[in-house]
Amino acid sequence: MRAIIDISYQVIEPVREMIAIGEEVRHIDQHGITFVVFDRKISISAINAEVKRISLNEPVSGLWTDDPAYAQYLASTFEMVWRQSVPAEQRIQELLERGPPQA
């Protein structure tokens, strides 16, 4: 499974958990985007993810489809965004070098 999310300092550990279970994760700076494509037939786009409090243990509402035309559209959009995104570990290293955000 591949996922594109807006990786902030607060979600470093959940992202590392995702990587540890075999997910490919990339970052794009889009203020809360969460986009997952399982294959070219099924896609999920999160519609209520609160990025500052994301957790692998909490449910997220999303748009799920198995309509071939819509799933293909989402898959094509996903591929375009995937090419524009950066690997999660690269983003995590940038965040760790900066340190936690100041309150």
N, C-alpha and C. Protein backbone atom coordinates (compact mmCIF):
# COMPACT_ATOMS: atom_id res chain seq x y z
N MET A 1 0.85 -1.17 0.00
CA MET A 1 0.00 0.00 0.00
C MET A 1 0.89 1.23 0.00
N ARG A 2 0.48 2.25 -0.69
CA ARG A 2 1.20 3.52 -0.73
C ARG A 2 0.31 4.61 -0.18
N ALA A 3 0.92 5.54 0.56
CA ALA A 3 0.17 6.64 1.14
C ALA A 3 0.94 7.94 0.95
N ILE A 4 0.21 9.00 0.70
CA ILE A 4 0.79 10.34 0.62
C ILE A 4 0.11 11.15 1.72
N ILE A 5 0.92 11.70 2.61
CA ILE A 5 0.35 12.53 3.68
C ILE A 5 1.23 13.75 3.88
N ASP A 6 0.69 14.72 4.56
CA ASP A 6 1.42 15.92 4.95
C ASP A 6 2.10 15.59 6.27
N ILE A 7 3.40 15.28 6.23
CA ILE A 7 4.12 14.83 7.42
C ILE A 7 4.62 16.02 8.21
N SER A 8 4.11 16.16 9.44
CA SER A 8 4.56 17.19 10.35
C SER A 8 5.33 16.53 11.49
N TYR A 9 5.96 17.34 12.32
CA TYR A 9 6.75 16.81 13.44
C TYR A 9 5.90 15.92 14.35
N GLN A 10 4.63 16.30 14.54
CA GLN A 10 3.75 15.57 15.44
C GLN A 10 3.43 14.16 14.97
N VAL A 11 3.58 13.86 13.70
CA VAL A 11 3.19 12.54 13.19
C VAL A 11 4.39 11.68 12.78
N ILE A 12 5.58 12.03 13.23
CA ILE A 12 6.76 11.25 12.88
C ILE A 12 6.60 9.79 13.31
N GLU A 13 6.21 9.55 14.54
CA GLU A 13 6.10 8.17 15.04
C GLU A 13 5.03 7.37 14.30
N PRO A 14 3.81 7.90 14.10
CA PRO A 14 2.84 7.12 13.31
C PRO A 14 3.32 6.82 11.89
N VAL A 15 4.02 7.75 11.27
CA VAL A 15 4.55 7.51 9.93
C VAL A 15 5.59 6.40 9.97
N ARG A 16 6.44 6.42 10.96
CA ARG A 16 7.43 5.35 11.10
C ARG A 16 6.75 4.00 11.33
N GLU A 17 5.64 3.99 12.05
CA GLU A 17 4.87 2.76 12.25
C GLU A 17 4.32 2.27 10.91
N MET A 18 3.84 3.18 10.09
CA MET A 18 3.32 2.81 8.78
C MET A 18 4.43 2.18 7.93
N ILE A 19 5.61 2.78 7.96
CA ILE A 19 6.75 2.25 7.20
C ILE A 19 7.12 0.87 7.73
N ALA A 20 7.10 0.72 9.05
CA ALA A 20 7.49 -0.56 9.67
C ALA A 20 6.57 -1.71 9.26
N ILE A 21 5.31 -1.42 8.95
CA ILE A 21 4.39 -2.48 8.54
C ILE A 21 4.36 -2.66 7.02
N GLY A 22 5.30 -1.99 6.34
CA GLY A 22 5.45 -2.23 4.91
C GLY A 22 4.78 -1.23 3.98
N GLU A 23 4.22 -0.16 4.52
CA GLU A 23 3.62 0.84 3.65
C GLU A 23 4.70 1.73 3.06
N GLU A 24 4.49 2.15 1.84
CA GLU A 24 5.34 3.16 1.22
C GLU A 24 4.67 4.49 1.52
N VAL A 25 5.41 5.39 2.15
CA VAL A 25 4.84 6.67 2.56
C VAL A 25 5.68 7.80 1.99
N ARG A 26 5.00 8.80 1.48
CA ARG A 26 5.67 9.98 0.96
C ARG A 26 4.99 11.22 1.53
N HIS A 27 5.70 12.34 1.47
CA HIS A 27 5.22 13.61 2.01
C HIS A 27 4.96 14.60 0.89
N ILE A 28 3.88 15.35 1.06
CA ILE A 28 3.64 16.52 0.22
C ILE A 28 3.06 17.59 1.13
N ASP A 29 3.54 18.80 0.97
CA ASP A 29 3.13 19.91 1.83
C ASP A 29 1.82 20.49 1.32
N GLN A 30 0.74 19.86 1.71
CA GLN A 30 -0.58 20.28 1.24
C GLN A 30 -1.57 20.48 2.37
N HIS A 31 -1.10 20.79 3.54
CA HIS A 31 -1.95 21.15 4.68
C HIS A 31 -3.03 20.12 4.98
N GLY A 32 -2.61 18.89 5.20
CA GLY A 32 -3.54 17.89 5.68
C GLY A 32 -3.95 16.82 4.69
N ILE A 33 -3.33 16.76 3.54
CA ILE A 33 -3.73 15.75 2.57
C ILE A 33 -3.43 14.34 3.09
N THR A 34 -4.35 13.44 2.89
CA THR A 34 -4.13 12.02 3.13
C THR A 34 -4.75 11.30 1.94
N PHE A 35 -3.97 10.50 1.26
CA PHE A 35 -4.41 9.90 0.01
C PHE A 35 -3.81 8.50 -0.06
N VAL A 36 -4.66 7.50 -0.15
CA VAL A 36 -4.20 6.11 -0.20
C VAL A 36 -4.84 5.42 -1.40
N VAL A 37 -4.04 4.72 -2.18
CA VAL A 37 -4.56 3.92 -3.29
C VAL A 37 -4.09 2.48 -3.08
N PHE A 38 -5.05 1.56 -3.02
CA PHE A 38 -4.72 0.15 -2.83
C PHE A 38 -4.35 -0.50 -4.15
N ASP A 39 -5.06 -0.20 -5.18
CA ASP A 39 -4.76 -0.66 -6.53
C ASP A 39 -5.54 0.23 -7.47
N ARG A 40 -5.59 -0.11 -8.70
CA ARG A 40 -6.30 0.77 -9.65
C ARG A 40 -7.81 0.54 -9.64
N LYS A 41 -8.30 -0.26 -8.70
CA LYS A 41 -9.73 -0.51 -8.60
C LYS A 41 -10.35 0.07 -7.35
N ILE A 42 -9.55 0.23 -6.30
CA ILE A 42 -10.07 0.72 -5.03
C ILE A 42 -9.19 1.86 -4.53
N SER A 43 -9.81 2.94 -4.07
CA SER A 43 -9.06 4.09 -3.58
C SER A 43 -9.77 4.67 -2.36
N ILE A 44 -9.00 5.22 -1.46
CA ILE A 44 -9.56 5.92 -0.30
C ILE A 44 -8.88 7.27 -0.19
N SER A 45 -9.69 8.31 -0.05
CA SER A 45 -9.18 9.65 0.23
C SER A 45 -9.80 10.08 1.56
N ALA A 46 -8.96 10.40 2.53
CA ALA A 46 -9.48 10.82 3.84
C ALA A 46 -10.21 12.14 3.69
N ILE A 47 -11.32 12.27 4.42
CA ILE A 47 -12.08 13.51 4.35
C ILE A 47 -12.20 14.19 5.70
N ASN A 48 -11.72 13.56 6.77
CA ASN A 48 -11.79 14.23 8.06
C ASN A 48 -10.54 14.05 8.90
N ALA A 49 -9.43 13.73 8.27
CA ALA A 49 -8.20 13.49 9.04
C ALA A 49 -7.70 14.79 9.63
N GLU A 50 -7.52 14.78 10.94
CA GLU A 50 -6.92 15.92 11.62
C GLU A 50 -5.44 15.60 11.76
N VAL A 51 -4.63 16.15 10.88
CA VAL A 51 -3.24 15.75 10.75
C VAL A 51 -2.45 15.94 12.04
N LYS A 52 -2.77 16.93 12.83
CA LYS A 52 -2.01 17.16 14.06
C LYS A 52 -2.24 16.07 15.10
N ARG A 53 -3.32 15.29 14.93
CA ARG A 53 -3.62 14.25 15.91
C ARG A 53 -3.79 12.89 15.24
N ILE A 54 -3.17 12.67 14.10
CA ILE A 54 -3.33 11.41 13.39
C ILE A 54 -2.77 10.24 14.20
N SER A 55 -3.46 9.14 14.15
CA SER A 55 -3.02 7.94 14.87
C SER A 55 -3.46 6.73 14.07
N LEU A 56 -2.62 5.71 14.06
CA LEU A 56 -3.00 4.47 13.38
C LEU A 56 -4.10 3.74 14.14
N ASN A 57 -4.35 4.15 15.37
CA ASN A 57 -5.36 3.49 16.21
C ASN A 57 -6.71 4.19 16.18
N GLU A 58 -6.82 5.30 15.48
CA GLU A 58 -8.06 6.06 15.43
C GLU A 58 -8.68 5.96 14.04
N PRO A 59 -10.00 5.84 13.99
CA PRO A 59 -10.66 5.76 12.67
C PRO A 59 -10.61 7.10 11.93
N VAL A 60 -10.61 7.01 10.61
CA VAL A 60 -10.65 8.18 9.75
C VAL A 60 -11.77 7.96 8.75
N SER A 61 -12.63 8.96 8.59
CA SER A 61 -13.66 8.87 7.57
C SER A 61 -13.02 9.14 6.22
N GLY A 62 -13.49 8.44 5.22
CA GLY A 62 -12.90 8.63 3.91
C GLY A 62 -13.88 8.36 2.80
N LEU A 63 -13.50 8.74 1.63
CA LEU A 63 -14.27 8.45 0.43
C LEU A 63 -13.70 7.18 -0.17
N TRP A 64 -14.50 6.13 -0.20
CA TRP A 64 -14.10 4.83 -0.75
C TRP A 64 -14.88 4.60 -2.01
N THR A 65 -14.23 4.08 -3.03
CA THR A 65 -14.94 3.79 -4.27
C THR A 65 -14.41 2.52 -4.91
N ASP A 66 -15.33 1.81 -5.55
CA ASP A 66 -14.93 0.71 -6.40
C ASP A 66 -15.48 0.92 -7.81
N ASP A 67 -15.94 2.14 -8.09
CA ASP A 67 -16.37 2.49 -9.45
C ASP A 67 -15.11 2.59 -10.31
N PRO A 68 -15.00 1.77 -11.36
CA PRO A 68 -13.77 1.72 -12.14
C PRO A 68 -13.33 3.07 -12.70
N ALA A 69 -14.26 3.86 -13.21
CA ALA A 69 -13.88 5.15 -13.81
C ALA A 69 -13.36 6.11 -12.75
N TYR A 70 -14.06 6.19 -11.61
CA TYR A 70 -13.64 7.10 -10.55
C TYR A 70 -12.35 6.62 -9.90
N ALA A 71 -12.24 5.32 -9.70
CA ALA A 71 -11.01 4.76 -9.11
C ALA A 71 -9.82 5.04 -10.03
N GLN A 72 -10.02 4.92 -11.35
CA GLN A 72 -8.94 5.22 -12.30
C GLN A 72 -8.56 6.68 -12.23
N TYR A 73 -9.54 7.57 -12.13
CA TYR A 73 -9.27 9.01 -12.00
C TYR A 73 -8.45 9.27 -10.73
N LEU A 74 -8.87 8.68 -9.60
CA LEU A 74 -8.14 8.87 -8.35
C LEU A 74 -6.73 8.27 -8.43
N ALA A 75 -6.60 7.11 -9.06
CA ALA A 75 -5.29 6.49 -9.20
C ALA A 75 -4.36 7.36 -10.04
N SER A 76 -4.87 7.94 -11.11
CA SER A 76 -4.06 8.83 -11.96
C SER A 76 -3.65 10.08 -11.19
N THR A 77 -4.58 10.63 -10.42
CA THR A 77 -4.27 11.80 -9.60
C THR A 77 -3.22 11.44 -8.55
N PHE A 78 -3.39 10.27 -7.93
CA PHE A 78 -2.44 9.79 -6.93
C PHE A 78 -1.04 9.69 -7.54
N GLU A 79 -0.92 9.10 -8.72
CA GLU A 79 0.39 8.95 -9.37
C GLU A 79 1.04 10.29 -9.64
N MET A 80 0.25 11.28 -10.05
CA MET A 80 0.78 12.61 -10.30
C MET A 80 1.32 13.22 -9.00
N VAL A 81 0.55 13.10 -7.91
CA VAL A 81 0.96 13.64 -6.62
C VAL A 81 2.15 12.86 -6.08
N TRP A 82 2.18 11.54 -6.28
CA TRP A 82 3.29 10.69 -5.83
C TRP A 82 4.61 11.18 -6.43
N ARG A 83 4.58 11.50 -7.73
CA ARG A 83 5.80 11.97 -8.39
C ARG A 83 6.27 13.32 -7.84
N GLN A 84 5.37 14.12 -7.31
CA GLN A 84 5.70 15.44 -6.76
C GLN A 84 6.12 15.38 -5.29
N SER A 85 5.88 14.27 -4.65
CA SER A 85 6.13 14.14 -3.21
C SER A 85 7.55 13.66 -2.94
N VAL A 86 7.93 13.70 -1.66
CA VAL A 86 9.27 13.26 -1.26
C VAL A 86 9.15 12.06 -0.31
N PRO A 87 10.15 11.19 -0.28
CA PRO A 87 10.10 10.04 0.62
C PRO A 87 9.94 10.48 2.08
N ALA A 88 9.18 9.70 2.82
CA ALA A 88 8.89 10.02 4.21
C ALA A 88 10.15 10.19 5.04
N GLU A 89 11.12 9.30 4.88
CA GLU A 89 12.34 9.39 5.69
C GLU A 89 13.11 10.69 5.42
N GLN A 90 13.09 11.15 4.18
CA GLN A 90 13.73 12.42 3.85
C GLN A 90 13.05 13.56 4.61
N ARG A 91 11.72 13.57 4.60
CA ARG A 91 10.97 14.60 5.31
C ARG A 91 11.20 14.50 6.81
N ILE A 92 11.20 13.28 7.34
CA ILE A 92 11.42 13.09 8.78
C ILE A 92 12.79 13.63 9.18
N GLN A 93 13.81 13.37 8.39
CA GLN A 93 15.15 13.88 8.71
C GLN A 93 15.17 15.41 8.73
N GLU A 94 14.47 16.04 7.77
CA GLU A 94 14.38 17.50 7.75
C GLU A 94 13.73 18.01 9.03
N LEU A 95 12.65 17.36 9.44
CA LEU A 95 11.94 17.79 10.65
C LEU A 95 12.79 17.59 11.90
N LEU A 96 13.50 16.47 11.99
CA LEU A 96 14.34 16.21 13.15
C LEU A 96 15.50 17.20 13.25
N GLU A 97 16.03 17.61 12.10
CA GLU A 97 17.11 18.61 12.10
C GLU A 97 16.61 19.95 12.59
N ARG A 98 15.37 20.30 12.27
CA ARG A 98 14.77 21.57 12.73
C ARG A 98 14.40 21.52 14.20
N GLY A 99 14.02 20.33 14.66
CA GLY A 99 13.56 20.18 16.03
C GLY A 99 12.07 20.46 16.15
N PRO A 100 11.52 20.22 17.35
CA PRO A 100 10.08 20.41 17.54
C PRO A 100 9.67 21.87 17.37
N PRO A 101 8.45 22.07 16.92
CA PRO A 101 7.97 23.45 16.74
C PRO A 101 7.89 24.15 18.11
N GLN A 102 8.16 25.42 18.08
CA GLN A 102 8.09 26.21 19.31
C GLN A 102 6.62 26.54 19.62
N ALA A 103 6.25 26.36 20.87
CA ALA A 103 4.85 26.62 21.30
C ALA A 103 4.59 28.08 21.44
